[in-house]
């Protein structure tokens, strides 16, 4: 698995967890969904993703979006 797939899987997992928490606990958890969405949007334009940097330091193979 490369960095691109891990970033997408992690973002999808956090969004799913956030929506579940918003439904069962508090609607304020939707702010986490907003944060993840904004982070994905800015990384699409700037190429900067904090998770990709961490994964690269752990030696995960680079991908197309995050070489």
C-alpha atoms as a PDB file:
ATOM      1  CA  UNK A   1       0.000   0.000   0.000  1.00  0.00           C
ATOM      2  CA  UNK A   2       1.347   3.430  -0.837  1.00  0.00           C
ATOM      3  CA  UNK A   3       0.924   6.808   0.850  1.00  0.00           C
ATOM      4  CA  UNK A   4      -1.939   7.899  -1.415  1.00  0.00           C
ATOM      5  CA  UNK A   5      -4.119   4.929  -0.545  1.00  0.00           C
ATOM      6  CA  UNK A   6      -3.363   5.183   3.177  1.00  0.00           C
ATOM      7  CA  UNK A   7      -4.245   8.898   3.226  1.00  0.00           C
ATOM      8  CA  UNK A   8      -7.542   8.247   1.434  1.00  0.00           C
ATOM      9  CA  UNK A   9      -8.386   5.277   3.683  1.00  0.00           C
ATOM     10  CA  UNK A  10      -7.558   7.272   6.810  1.00  0.00           C
ATOM     11  CA  UNK A  11      -9.618  10.275   5.688  1.00  0.00           C
ATOM     12  CA  UNK A  12     -12.572   8.057   4.831  1.00  0.00           C
ATOM     13  CA  UNK A  13     -12.349   6.293   8.179  1.00  0.00           C
ATOM     14  CA  UNK A  14     -12.224   9.552  10.124  1.00  0.00           C
ATOM     15  CA  UNK A  15     -15.199  10.978   8.199  1.00  0.00           C
ATOM     16  CA  UNK A  16     -17.231   7.802   8.792  1.00  0.00           C
ATOM     17  CA  UNK A  17     -16.352   7.782  12.492  1.00  0.00           C
ATOM     18  CA  UNK A  18     -17.172  11.486  12.771  1.00  0.00           C
ATOM     19  CA  UNK A  19     -20.601  11.043  11.194  1.00  0.00           C
ATOM     20  CA  UNK A  20     -21.350   8.117  13.495  1.00  0.00           C
ATOM     21  CA  UNK A  21     -20.278  10.146  16.528  1.00  0.00           C
ATOM     22  CA  UNK A  22     -22.391  13.086  15.360  1.00  0.00           C
ATOM     23  CA  UNK A  23     -25.422  10.819  15.072  1.00  0.00           C
ATOM     24  CA  UNK A  24     -24.992   8.972  18.379  1.00  0.00           C
ATOM     25  CA  UNK A  25     -23.191  11.502  20.603  1.00  0.00           C
ATOM     26  CA  UNK A  26     -23.262  15.134  19.516  1.00  0.00           C
ATOM     27  CA  UNK A  27     -23.632  17.088  16.257  1.00  0.00           C
ATOM     28  CA  UNK A  28     -20.446  18.961  17.163  1.00  0.00           C
ATOM     29  CA  UNK A  29     -18.499  15.955  15.836  1.00  0.00           C
ATOM     30  CA  UNK A  30     -19.346  17.190  12.338  1.00  0.00           C
ATOM     31  CA  UNK A  31     -16.610  19.786  12.843  1.00  0.00           C
ATOM     32  CA  UNK A  32     -14.128  16.924  12.546  1.00  0.00           C
ATOM     33  CA  UNK A  33     -15.679  16.026   9.187  1.00  0.00           C
ATOM     34  CA  UNK A  34     -15.334  19.651   8.122  1.00  0.00           C
ATOM     35  CA  UNK A  35     -11.671  19.682   9.177  1.00  0.00           C
ATOM     36  CA  UNK A  36     -10.891  16.521   7.209  1.00  0.00           C
ATOM     37  CA  UNK A  37     -12.685  17.855   4.135  1.00  0.00           C
ATOM     38  CA  UNK A  38     -10.850  21.176   4.248  1.00  0.00           C
ATOM     39  CA  UNK A  39      -7.530  19.399   4.748  1.00  0.00           C
ATOM     40  CA  UNK A  40      -8.180  17.182   1.711  1.00  0.00           C
ATOM     41  CA  UNK A  41      -9.132  20.211  -0.341  1.00  0.00           C
ATOM     42  CA  UNK A  42      -6.043  22.217   0.552  1.00  0.00           C
ATOM     43  CA  UNK A  43      -3.771  19.211   0.002  1.00  0.00           C
ATOM     44  CA  UNK A  44      -5.224  18.792  -3.495  1.00  0.00           C
ATOM     45  CA  UNK A  45      -4.048  22.297  -4.387  1.00  0.00           C
ATOM     46  CA  UNK A  46      -0.875  22.633  -2.331  1.00  0.00           C
ATOM     47  CA  UNK A  47       0.395  19.054  -2.121  1.00  0.00           C
ATOM     48  CA  UNK A  48       0.921  19.488   1.642  1.00  0.00           C
ATOM     49  CA  UNK A  49      -0.517  16.718   3.818  1.00  0.00           C
ATOM     50  CA  UNK A  50       0.655  16.228   7.420  1.00  0.00           C
ATOM     51  CA  UNK A  51      -0.264  12.517   7.387  1.00  0.00           C
ATOM     52  CA  UNK A  52       1.777  11.967   4.218  1.00  0.00           C
ATOM     53  CA  UNK A  53       4.802  13.538   5.907  1.00  0.00           C
ATOM     54  CA  UNK A  54       4.432  11.242   8.926  1.00  0.00           C
ATOM     55  CA  UNK A  55       3.974   8.166   6.742  1.00  0.00           C
ATOM     56  CA  UNK A  56       7.027   9.069   4.654  1.00  0.00           C
ATOM     57  CA  UNK A  57       9.118   9.257   7.827  1.00  0.00           C
ATOM     58  CA  UNK A  58       7.933   5.754   8.730  1.00  0.00           C
ATOM     59  CA  UNK A  59       9.207   4.542   5.387  1.00  0.00           C
ATOM     60  CA  UNK A  60       5.922   4.028   3.549  1.00  0.00           C
ATOM     61  CA  UNK A  61       6.310   3.897  -0.233  1.00  0.00           C
ATOM     62  CA  UNK A  62       5.362   7.122  -2.019  1.00  0.00           C
ATOM     63  CA  UNK A  63       2.504   7.414  -4.446  1.00  0.00           C
ATOM     64  CA  UNK A  64       1.416   9.660  -7.285  1.00  0.00           C
ATOM     65  CA  UNK A  65      -0.088  12.505  -5.255  1.00  0.00           C
ATOM     66  CA  UNK A  66       2.474  12.361  -2.452  1.00  0.00           C
ATOM     67  CA  UNK A  67       5.797  11.140  -3.917  1.00  0.00           C
END
